[in-house]
Amino acid sequence: KYEHVIPQLATLEDSRELQGLLVLINTVGGDVESGLAIAELIASLSKPTVSLVLGGSHSIGDPLAVSADYSLIVPSGTMMIHPVRMNGLIIGVPQTFEKIQNRISDFIVGHSHISIQRLNTLMMETGELTKDVGSVLVGPQAVEEGLIDAVGGIREAFAALKRLIRENDAWTDSHE
């Protein structure tokens, strides 16, 4: 739960022993505010971060996947891109949903290599999901679209994290 994850990420930032973070993602999505808060926190860490999409990174999982310094997806992993959906009673106007969607879209575009135009096109696709709008990208497609950096598994994720830690250590040593 996000109530547990956020303090752990803060502890990681302050730790002298922990040198980096590997984020394993398999989610159908969930709470927009919580997911975006965790993604922002991961993106703001000073320590190297790598994300790995294992099963699915759907909905608010997309910002989590792109929040790391380097991102990977397994060949069969999926990313579902769709507009914000709300459940329950929401007191607001259409502009409220637009602001929430813009926050998510801006984060994804700012932390990946996809353009806002392409993200919006994928988000509003009508021919892929039955009775809904959006797109499902499988492994290599997420890389081709610029959302994820590479296709790979746990071995490649650890190798990337170790490389980033070495680079971070070398940079720190040269600036002390």
N, C-alpha and C. Protein backbone atom coordinates (compact mmCIF):
# COMPACT_ATOMS: atom_id res chain seq x y z
N LYS A 1 0.84 -1.19 0.00
CA LYS A 1 0.00 0.00 0.00
C LYS A 1 0.88 1.24 0.00
N TYR A 2 0.35 2.28 -0.61
CA TYR A 2 1.16 3.49 -0.75
C TYR A 2 1.55 4.10 0.59
N GLU A 3 0.73 3.89 1.60
CA GLU A 3 1.07 4.44 2.92
C GLU A 3 2.37 3.86 3.45
N HIS A 4 2.71 2.65 2.98
CA HIS A 4 3.94 2.00 3.41
C HIS A 4 5.10 2.31 2.47
N VAL A 5 4.79 2.45 1.19
CA VAL A 5 5.82 2.65 0.17
C VAL A 5 6.47 4.03 0.30
N ILE A 6 5.67 5.06 0.49
CA ILE A 6 6.21 6.42 0.53
C ILE A 6 7.25 6.60 1.64
N PRO A 7 6.98 6.17 2.88
CA PRO A 7 8.03 6.29 3.90
C PRO A 7 9.27 5.45 3.60
N GLN A 8 9.10 4.28 2.96
CA GLN A 8 10.25 3.46 2.61
C GLN A 8 11.12 4.16 1.57
N LEU A 9 10.49 4.84 0.62
CA LEU A 9 11.26 5.58 -0.38
C LEU A 9 12.01 6.74 0.26
N ALA A 10 11.39 7.40 1.22
CA ALA A 10 12.07 8.48 1.93
C ALA A 10 13.26 7.94 2.71
N THR A 11 13.10 6.77 3.32
CA THR A 11 14.20 6.13 4.05
C THR A 11 15.34 5.78 3.10
N LEU A 12 15.00 5.28 1.92
CA LEU A 12 16.02 4.95 0.92
C LEU A 12 16.85 6.18 0.57
N GLU A 13 16.20 7.29 0.36
CA GLU A 13 16.91 8.52 0.00
C GLU A 13 17.91 8.91 1.07
N ASP A 14 17.55 8.71 2.34
CA ASP A 14 18.39 9.14 3.45
C ASP A 14 19.45 8.10 3.84
N SER A 15 19.34 6.88 3.31
CA SER A 15 20.23 5.79 3.70
C SER A 15 21.61 5.93 3.08
N ARG A 16 22.62 5.66 3.89
CA ARG A 16 24.00 5.61 3.38
C ARG A 16 24.34 4.21 2.86
N GLU A 17 23.60 3.20 3.32
CA GLU A 17 23.88 1.83 2.92
C GLU A 17 23.25 1.46 1.57
N LEU A 18 22.05 1.95 1.33
CA LEU A 18 21.35 1.61 0.10
C LEU A 18 21.82 2.52 -1.03
N GLN A 19 22.20 1.91 -2.15
CA GLN A 19 22.81 2.67 -3.25
C GLN A 19 21.89 2.89 -4.43
N GLY A 20 20.78 2.15 -4.50
CA GLY A 20 19.89 2.29 -5.65
C GLY A 20 18.58 1.58 -5.39
N LEU A 21 17.67 1.68 -6.37
CA LEU A 21 16.34 1.11 -6.21
C LEU A 21 15.93 0.40 -7.48
N LEU A 22 15.46 -0.84 -7.33
CA LEU A 22 14.85 -1.59 -8.42
C LEU A 22 13.36 -1.68 -8.11
N VAL A 23 12.53 -1.15 -9.01
CA VAL A 23 11.08 -1.15 -8.85
C VAL A 23 10.50 -2.22 -9.76
N LEU A 24 9.86 -3.23 -9.17
CA LEU A 24 9.22 -4.29 -9.92
C LEU A 24 7.73 -3.96 -10.04
N ILE A 25 7.23 -3.92 -11.27
CA ILE A 25 5.86 -3.46 -11.49
C ILE A 25 5.02 -4.55 -12.12
N ASN A 26 3.89 -4.83 -11.48
CA ASN A 26 2.86 -5.71 -12.01
C ASN A 26 1.56 -5.22 -11.39
N THR A 27 0.86 -4.32 -12.08
CA THR A 27 -0.33 -3.71 -11.51
C THR A 27 -1.39 -3.45 -12.56
N VAL A 28 -2.63 -3.56 -12.16
CA VAL A 28 -3.74 -3.18 -13.02
C VAL A 28 -4.11 -1.72 -12.80
N GLY A 29 -3.33 -1.04 -12.00
CA GLY A 29 -3.59 0.38 -11.75
C GLY A 29 -4.23 0.58 -10.40
N GLY A 30 -4.85 1.71 -10.24
CA GLY A 30 -5.49 1.99 -8.96
C GLY A 30 -5.59 3.47 -8.71
N ASP A 31 -5.36 3.85 -7.49
CA ASP A 31 -5.53 5.22 -7.03
C ASP A 31 -4.58 6.18 -7.75
N VAL A 32 -5.15 7.13 -8.47
CA VAL A 32 -4.37 8.08 -9.27
C VAL A 32 -3.45 8.92 -8.40
N GLU A 33 -3.97 9.48 -7.33
CA GLU A 33 -3.17 10.37 -6.49
C GLU A 33 -2.02 9.61 -5.83
N SER A 34 -2.29 8.42 -5.33
CA SER A 34 -1.24 7.63 -4.69
C SER A 34 -0.18 7.21 -5.69
N GLY A 35 -0.61 6.72 -6.84
CA GLY A 35 0.34 6.28 -7.86
C GLY A 35 1.21 7.40 -8.36
N LEU A 36 0.61 8.56 -8.59
CA LEU A 36 1.38 9.69 -9.07
C LEU A 36 2.34 10.20 -7.99
N ALA A 37 1.92 10.16 -6.73
CA ALA A 37 2.81 10.57 -5.63
C ALA A 37 4.03 9.66 -5.55
N ILE A 38 3.82 8.35 -5.68
CA ILE A 38 4.93 7.41 -5.64
C ILE A 38 5.84 7.62 -6.84
N ALA A 39 5.25 7.81 -8.02
CA ALA A 39 6.05 8.05 -9.23
C ALA A 39 6.89 9.32 -9.08
N GLU A 40 6.31 10.38 -8.56
CA GLU A 40 7.06 11.63 -8.36
C GLU A 40 8.21 11.42 -7.37
N LEU A 41 7.95 10.65 -6.33
CA LEU A 41 8.99 10.39 -5.33
C LEU A 41 10.14 9.58 -5.93
N ILE A 42 9.81 8.54 -6.71
CA ILE A 42 10.85 7.74 -7.37
C ILE A 42 11.66 8.62 -8.30
N ALA A 43 10.98 9.45 -9.08
CA ALA A 43 11.67 10.31 -10.05
C ALA A 43 12.57 11.33 -9.37
N SER A 44 12.27 11.69 -8.14
CA SER A 44 13.06 12.71 -7.45
C SER A 44 14.18 12.15 -6.58
N LEU A 45 14.31 10.82 -6.51
CA LEU A 45 15.39 10.23 -5.72
C LEU A 45 16.74 10.60 -6.31
N SER A 46 17.72 10.81 -5.46
CA SER A 46 19.06 11.12 -5.94
C SER A 46 19.84 9.84 -6.26
N LYS A 47 19.35 8.72 -5.81
CA LYS A 47 20.02 7.44 -6.05
C LYS A 47 19.52 6.83 -7.35
N PRO A 48 20.33 6.03 -8.02
CA PRO A 48 19.92 5.41 -9.27
C PRO A 48 18.68 4.53 -9.11
N THR A 49 17.82 4.58 -10.11
CA THR A 49 16.59 3.79 -10.08
C THR A 49 16.38 3.09 -11.42
N VAL A 50 15.86 1.88 -11.34
CA VAL A 50 15.52 1.08 -12.52
C VAL A 50 14.14 0.48 -12.27
N SER A 51 13.30 0.50 -13.30
CA SER A 51 11.99 -0.15 -13.19
C SER A 51 11.93 -1.32 -14.15
N LEU A 52 11.17 -2.33 -13.76
CA LEU A 52 10.96 -3.51 -14.60
C LEU A 52 9.49 -3.87 -14.58
N VAL A 53 8.86 -3.78 -15.74
CA VAL A 53 7.46 -4.19 -15.89
C VAL A 53 7.46 -5.70 -16.14
N LEU A 54 6.88 -6.44 -15.20
CA LEU A 54 6.89 -7.90 -15.27
C LEU A 54 5.63 -8.46 -15.92
N GLY A 55 4.50 -8.09 -15.47
CA GLY A 55 3.24 -8.58 -16.02
C GLY A 55 2.57 -7.43 -16.75
N GLY A 56 1.94 -6.58 -15.96
CA GLY A 56 1.28 -5.42 -16.53
C GLY A 56 1.62 -4.16 -15.79
N SER A 57 1.61 -3.09 -16.52
CA SER A 57 1.75 -1.75 -15.95
C SER A 57 0.61 -0.95 -16.54
N HIS A 58 -0.55 -1.14 -15.96
CA HIS A 58 -1.75 -0.55 -16.54
C HIS A 58 -2.13 0.72 -15.80
N SER A 59 -2.72 1.63 -16.53
CA SER A 59 -3.31 2.82 -15.95
C SER A 59 -2.27 3.64 -15.19
N ILE A 60 -2.44 3.86 -13.89
CA ILE A 60 -1.50 4.67 -13.13
C ILE A 60 -0.16 3.95 -12.95
N GLY A 61 -0.08 2.69 -13.34
CA GLY A 61 1.19 1.98 -13.37
C GLY A 61 2.13 2.54 -14.42
N ASP A 62 1.58 3.19 -15.45
CA ASP A 62 2.44 3.76 -16.50
C ASP A 62 3.39 4.83 -15.96
N PRO A 63 2.90 5.80 -15.17
CA PRO A 63 3.85 6.75 -14.58
C PRO A 63 4.87 6.07 -13.67
N LEU A 64 4.47 5.03 -12.96
CA LEU A 64 5.43 4.30 -12.12
C LEU A 64 6.53 3.68 -12.98
N ALA A 65 6.16 3.11 -14.11
CA ALA A 65 7.14 2.45 -14.98
C ALA A 65 8.14 3.43 -15.55
N VAL A 66 7.70 4.64 -15.88
CA VAL A 66 8.61 5.61 -16.52
C VAL A 66 9.33 6.50 -15.51
N SER A 67 9.02 6.37 -14.23
CA SER A 67 9.58 7.27 -13.21
C SER A 67 11.05 7.01 -12.93
N ALA A 68 11.53 5.82 -13.26
CA ALA A 68 12.92 5.45 -12.95
C ALA A 68 13.89 6.06 -13.96
N ASP A 69 15.17 6.06 -13.57
CA ASP A 69 16.22 6.54 -14.47
C ASP A 69 16.32 5.69 -15.72
N TYR A 70 16.03 4.40 -15.58
CA TYR A 70 16.09 3.46 -16.70
C TYR A 70 14.95 2.48 -16.52
N SER A 71 14.24 2.16 -17.61
CA SER A 71 13.08 1.29 -17.52
C SER A 71 13.18 0.12 -18.48
N LEU A 72 12.69 -1.03 -18.03
CA LEU A 72 12.65 -2.24 -18.85
C LEU A 72 11.27 -2.86 -18.77
N ILE A 73 10.98 -3.69 -19.76
CA ILE A 73 9.74 -4.46 -19.78
C ILE A 73 10.06 -5.85 -20.31
N VAL A 74 9.48 -6.88 -19.71
CA VAL A 74 9.69 -8.24 -20.21
C VAL A 74 8.95 -8.36 -21.55
N PRO A 75 9.37 -9.29 -22.40
CA PRO A 75 8.75 -9.39 -23.73
C PRO A 75 7.23 -9.54 -23.70
N SER A 76 6.69 -10.23 -22.70
CA SER A 76 5.24 -10.43 -22.63
C SER A 76 4.54 -9.42 -21.73
N GLY A 77 5.29 -8.47 -21.17
CA GLY A 77 4.70 -7.45 -20.30
C GLY A 77 3.80 -6.52 -21.09
N THR A 78 2.82 -5.95 -20.42
CA THR A 78 1.89 -5.04 -21.10
C THR A 78 1.79 -3.71 -20.37
N MET A 79 1.51 -2.70 -21.16
CA MET A 79 1.20 -1.38 -20.63
C MET A 79 -0.13 -0.95 -21.24
N MET A 80 -1.09 -0.64 -20.39
CA MET A 80 -2.39 -0.17 -20.86
C MET A 80 -2.44 1.34 -20.67
N ILE A 81 -2.72 2.02 -21.77
CA ILE A 81 -2.78 3.48 -21.75
C ILE A 81 -4.22 3.88 -22.04
N HIS A 82 -4.81 4.62 -21.12
CA HIS A 82 -6.20 5.07 -21.31
C HIS A 82 -6.41 6.36 -20.54
N PRO A 83 -7.49 7.07 -20.87
CA PRO A 83 -7.79 8.30 -20.12
C PRO A 83 -8.18 7.98 -18.68
N VAL A 84 -8.13 8.98 -17.84
CA VAL A 84 -8.52 8.83 -16.43
C VAL A 84 -9.96 8.37 -16.34
N ARG A 85 -10.18 7.43 -15.44
CA ARG A 85 -11.53 6.96 -15.13
C ARG A 85 -11.75 7.19 -13.65
N MET A 86 -12.93 7.56 -13.29
CA MET A 86 -13.23 7.80 -11.89
C MET A 86 -14.37 6.89 -11.44
N ASN A 87 -14.26 6.36 -10.22
CA ASN A 87 -15.32 5.60 -9.60
C ASN A 87 -15.80 6.37 -8.38
N GLY A 88 -17.06 6.18 -8.04
CA GLY A 88 -17.58 6.82 -6.85
C GLY A 88 -18.06 8.23 -7.13
N LEU A 89 -18.41 8.93 -6.09
CA LEU A 89 -18.94 10.27 -6.19
C LEU A 89 -17.80 11.27 -6.29
N ILE A 90 -17.79 12.00 -7.38
CA ILE A 90 -16.79 13.05 -7.59
C ILE A 90 -17.56 14.35 -7.81
N ILE A 91 -17.28 15.32 -6.98
CA ILE A 91 -17.91 16.62 -7.16
C ILE A 91 -16.94 17.49 -7.94
N GLY A 92 -17.29 17.78 -9.15
CA GLY A 92 -16.40 18.54 -10.00
C GLY A 92 -17.00 18.74 -11.37
N VAL A 93 -16.23 19.24 -12.24
CA VAL A 93 -16.65 19.52 -13.61
C VAL A 93 -15.67 18.83 -14.54
N PRO A 94 -15.98 18.78 -15.83
CA PRO A 94 -15.06 18.12 -16.76
C PRO A 94 -13.63 18.65 -16.69
N GLN A 95 -13.45 19.92 -16.35
CA GLN A 95 -12.11 20.49 -16.25
C GLN A 95 -11.29 19.80 -15.16
N THR A 96 -11.95 19.30 -14.12
CA THR A 96 -11.27 18.58 -13.05
C THR A 96 -10.61 17.33 -13.61
N PHE A 97 -11.35 16.57 -14.42
CA PHE A 97 -10.80 15.36 -15.03
C PHE A 97 -9.67 15.73 -15.99
N GLU A 98 -9.84 16.81 -16.70
CA GLU A 98 -8.81 17.25 -17.64
C GLU A 98 -7.52 17.60 -16.90
N LYS A 99 -7.62 18.28 -15.77
CA LYS A 99 -6.42 18.62 -15.00
C LYS A 99 -5.72 17.37 -14.48
N ILE A 100 -6.50 16.41 -14.00
CA ILE A 100 -5.91 15.17 -13.52
C ILE A 100 -5.21 14.45 -14.66
N GLN A 101 -5.89 14.37 -15.82
CA GLN A 101 -5.30 13.70 -16.98
C GLN A 101 -4.03 14.40 -17.44
N ASN A 102 -4.04 15.71 -17.44
CA ASN A 102 -2.86 16.47 -17.87
C ASN A 102 -1.68 16.23 -16.93
N ARG A 103 -1.93 16.12 -15.64
CA ARG A 103 -0.85 15.84 -14.69
C ARG A 103 -0.19 14.50 -15.01
N ILE A 104 -1.02 13.50 -15.29
CA ILE A 104 -0.49 12.17 -15.60
C ILE A 104 0.24 12.19 -16.93
N SER A 105 -0.39 12.75 -17.95
CA SER A 105 0.22 12.80 -19.29
C SER A 105 1.53 13.57 -19.27
N ASP A 106 1.55 14.72 -18.60
CA ASP A 106 2.77 15.52 -18.52
C ASP A 106 3.89 14.75 -17.82
N PHE A 107 3.55 13.99 -16.79
CA PHE A 107 4.56 13.20 -16.09
C PHE A 107 5.13 12.14 -17.02
N ILE A 108 4.26 11.41 -17.71
CA ILE A 108 4.71 10.35 -18.62
C ILE A 108 5.61 10.92 -19.71
N VAL A 109 5.18 12.01 -20.34
CA VAL A 109 5.96 12.63 -21.41
C VAL A 109 7.29 13.15 -20.87
N GLY A 110 7.28 13.71 -19.68
CA GLY A 110 8.50 14.27 -19.08
C GLY A 110 9.51 13.23 -18.64
N HIS A 111 9.08 11.97 -18.50
CA HIS A 111 9.98 10.93 -18.00
C HIS A 111 10.14 9.77 -18.99
N SER A 112 9.78 10.01 -20.23
CA SER A 112 9.95 8.98 -21.26
C SER A 112 10.33 9.67 -22.56
N HIS A 113 10.26 8.94 -23.65
CA HIS A 113 10.63 9.49 -24.96
C HIS A 113 9.44 9.53 -25.90
N ILE A 114 8.22 9.55 -25.35
CA ILE A 114 7.03 9.62 -26.18
C ILE A 114 6.55 11.07 -26.26
N SER A 115 5.99 11.44 -27.37
CA SER A 115 5.46 12.80 -27.51
C SER A 115 4.05 12.85 -26.95
N ILE A 116 3.62 14.02 -26.57
CA ILE A 116 2.26 14.19 -26.05
C ILE A 116 1.23 13.83 -27.12
N GLN A 117 1.54 14.14 -28.38
CA GLN A 117 0.61 13.82 -29.46
C GLN A 117 0.43 12.31 -29.58
N ARG A 118 1.54 11.56 -29.54
CA ARG A 118 1.45 10.11 -29.68
C ARG A 118 0.77 9.49 -28.45
N LEU A 119 1.08 9.99 -27.26
CA LEU A 119 0.44 9.48 -26.05
C LEU A 119 -1.07 9.69 -26.13
N ASN A 120 -1.49 10.87 -26.55
CA ASN A 120 -2.92 11.15 -26.66
C ASN A 120 -3.59 10.25 -27.70
N THR A 121 -2.90 9.99 -28.80
CA THR A 121 -3.45 9.09 -29.82
C THR A 121 -3.65 7.70 -29.25
N LEU A 122 -2.64 7.18 -28.55
CA LEU A 122 -2.75 5.85 -27.95
C LEU A 122 -3.85 5.82 -26.89
N MET A 123 -3.98 6.90 -26.15
CA MET A 123 -4.96 6.98 -25.08
C MET A 123 -6.40 6.97 -25.62
N MET A 124 -6.59 7.56 -26.78
CA MET A 124 -7.95 7.70 -27.31
C MET A 124 -8.28 6.69 -28.41
N GLU A 125 -7.43 5.68 -28.60
CA GLU A 125 -7.67 4.64 -29.59
C GLU A 125 -9.01 3.95 -29.31
N THR A 126 -9.82 3.78 -30.34
CA THR A 126 -11.15 3.20 -30.14
C THR A 126 -11.27 1.76 -30.63
N GLY A 127 -10.33 1.27 -31.40
CA GLY A 127 -10.49 -0.04 -32.00
C GLY A 127 -9.86 -1.19 -31.24
N GLU A 128 -9.21 -0.93 -30.12
CA GLU A 128 -8.44 -1.98 -29.46
C GLU A 128 -9.13 -2.58 -28.23
N LEU A 129 -9.76 -1.77 -27.43
CA LEU A 129 -10.40 -2.25 -26.20
C LEU A 129 -11.92 -2.29 -26.41
N THR A 130 -12.53 -3.41 -26.11
CA THR A 130 -13.97 -3.55 -26.27
C THR A 130 -14.69 -2.58 -25.34
N LYS A 131 -15.58 -1.80 -25.92
CA LYS A 131 -16.41 -0.86 -25.15
C LYS A 131 -15.61 0.14 -24.34
N ASP A 132 -14.43 0.48 -24.80
CA ASP A 132 -13.60 1.43 -24.06
C ASP A 132 -12.61 2.06 -25.03
N VAL A 133 -11.88 3.06 -24.56
CA VAL A 133 -10.83 3.68 -25.36
C VAL A 133 -9.49 3.42 -24.69
N GLY A 134 -8.46 3.38 -25.51
CA GLY A 134 -7.12 3.16 -24.99
C GLY A 134 -6.36 2.17 -25.83
N SER A 135 -5.14 1.87 -25.41
CA SER A 135 -4.27 0.95 -26.12
C SER A 135 -3.55 0.05 -25.13
N VAL A 136 -3.23 -1.15 -25.60
CA VAL A 136 -2.40 -2.07 -24.85
C VAL A 136 -1.13 -2.29 -25.66
N LEU A 137 0.00 -1.97 -25.07
CA LEU A 137 1.29 -2.17 -25.72
C LEU A 137 1.96 -3.38 -25.07
N VAL A 138 2.46 -4.28 -25.89
CA VAL A 138 3.14 -5.47 -25.39
C VAL A 138 4.64 -5.30 -25.58
N GLY A 139 5.40 -5.58 -24.51
CA GLY A 139 6.86 -5.57 -24.50
C GLY A 139 7.54 -4.65 -25.49
N PRO A 140 7.96 -5.17 -26.63
CA PRO A 140 8.70 -4.37 -27.61
C PRO A 140 7.94 -3.15 -28.12
N GLN A 141 6.61 -3.22 -28.15
CA GLN A 141 5.83 -2.06 -28.59
C GLN A 141 6.02 -0.88 -27.65
N ALA A 142 6.11 -1.15 -26.35
CA ALA A 142 6.30 -0.07 -25.38
C ALA A 142 7.65 0.61 -25.59
N VAL A 143 8.65 -0.17 -26.02
CA VAL A 143 9.96 0.39 -26.32
C VAL A 143 9.90 1.18 -27.63
N GLU A 144 9.26 0.62 -28.66
CA GLU A 144 9.13 1.30 -29.95
C GLU A 144 8.40 2.64 -29.81
N GLU A 145 7.42 2.69 -28.93
CA GLU A 145 6.65 3.93 -28.72
C GLU A 145 7.40 4.95 -27.88
N GLY A 146 8.50 4.54 -27.24
CA GLY A 146 9.30 5.47 -26.45
C GLY A 146 8.89 5.57 -24.99
N LEU A 147 8.00 4.70 -24.55
CA LEU A 147 7.62 4.72 -23.13
C LEU A 147 8.68 4.08 -22.25
N ILE A 148 9.23 2.97 -22.71
CA ILE A 148 10.18 2.17 -21.93
C ILE A 148 11.51 2.16 -22.68
N ASP A 149 12.61 2.07 -21.94
CA ASP A 149 13.93 2.13 -22.56
C ASP A 149 14.34 0.84 -23.27
N ALA A 150 14.01 -0.33 -22.70
CA ALA A 150 14.50 -1.58 -23.29
C ALA A 150 13.63 -2.75 -22.89
N VAL A 151 13.70 -3.80 -23.69
CA VAL A 151 13.09 -5.09 -23.34
C VAL A 151 14.14 -5.87 -22.57
N GLY A 152 13.72 -6.48 -21.48
CA GLY A 152 14.65 -7.27 -20.70
C GLY A 152 13.97 -7.84 -19.48
N GLY A 153 14.71 -8.63 -18.73
CA GLY A 153 14.19 -9.25 -17.52
C GLY A 153 14.98 -8.84 -16.30
N ILE A 154 14.91 -9.66 -15.29
CA ILE A 154 15.53 -9.32 -14.01
C ILE A 154 17.05 -9.21 -14.14
N ARG A 155 17.66 -10.06 -14.96
CA ARG A 155 19.12 -10.01 -15.15
C ARG A 155 19.52 -8.66 -15.73
N GLU A 156 18.82 -8.22 -16.76
CA GLU A 156 19.13 -6.93 -17.39
C GLU A 156 18.82 -5.76 -16.45
N ALA A 157 17.78 -5.91 -15.64
CA ALA A 157 17.43 -4.85 -14.70
C ALA A 157 18.52 -4.68 -13.65
N PHE A 158 19.00 -5.78 -13.09
CA PHE A 158 20.08 -5.69 -12.10
C PHE A 158 21.37 -5.17 -12.74
N ALA A 159 21.65 -5.61 -13.96
CA ALA A 159 22.85 -5.13 -14.65
C ALA A 159 22.77 -3.62 -14.86
N ALA A 160 21.60 -3.13 -15.27
CA ALA A 160 21.41 -1.69 -15.48
C ALA A 160 21.56 -0.93 -14.17
N LEU A 161 20.98 -1.45 -13.10
CA LEU A 161 21.08 -0.79 -11.81
C LEU A 161 22.53 -0.74 -11.32
N LYS A 162 23.25 -1.84 -11.46
CA LYS A 162 24.66 -1.87 -11.04
C LYS A 162 25.48 -0.88 -11.86
N ARG A 163 25.20 -0.78 -13.17
CA ARG A 163 25.90 0.17 -14.03
C ARG A 163 25.61 1.61 -13.58
N LEU A 164 24.36 1.91 -13.30
CA LEU A 164 23.99 3.25 -12.85
C LEU A 164 24.62 3.58 -11.50
N ILE A 165 24.70 2.60 -10.61
CA ILE A 165 25.34 2.82 -9.30
C ILE A 165 26.82 3.12 -9.49
N ARG A 166 27.50 2.35 -10.36
CA ARG A 166 28.92 2.61 -10.63
C ARG A 166 29.11 4.01 -11.20
N GLU A 167 28.26 4.39 -12.15
CA GLU A 167 28.37 5.73 -12.74
C GLU A 167 28.11 6.80 -11.70
N ASN A 168 27.16 6.58 -10.82
CA ASN A 168 26.85 7.54 -9.77
C ASN A 168 28.01 7.66 -8.79
N ASP A 169 28.61 6.52 -8.44
CA ASP A 169 29.77 6.54 -7.54
C ASP A 169 30.94 7.28 -8.17
N ALA A 170 31.18 7.03 -9.46
CA ALA A 170 32.28 7.70 -10.16
C ALA A 170 32.04 9.21 -10.22
N TRP A 171 30.80 9.62 -10.46
CA TRP A 171 30.48 11.05 -10.53
C TRP A 171 30.68 11.67 -9.14
N THR A 172 30.19 10.97 -8.10
CA THR A 172 30.33 11.49 -6.73
C THR A 172 31.80 11.64 -6.35
N ASP A 173 32.61 10.62 -6.68
CA ASP A 173 34.04 10.66 -6.36
C ASP A 173 34.75 11.82 -7.07
N SER A 174 34.36 12.09 -8.29
CA SER A 174 35.03 13.16 -9.04
C SER A 174 34.57 14.57 -8.62
N HIS A 175 33.48 14.64 -7.85
CA HIS A 175 32.98 15.96 -7.44
C HIS A 175 33.12 16.19 -5.93
N GLU A 176 33.94 15.40 -5.29
CA GLU A 176 34.15 15.62 -3.84
C GLU A 176 35.41 16.40 -3.59
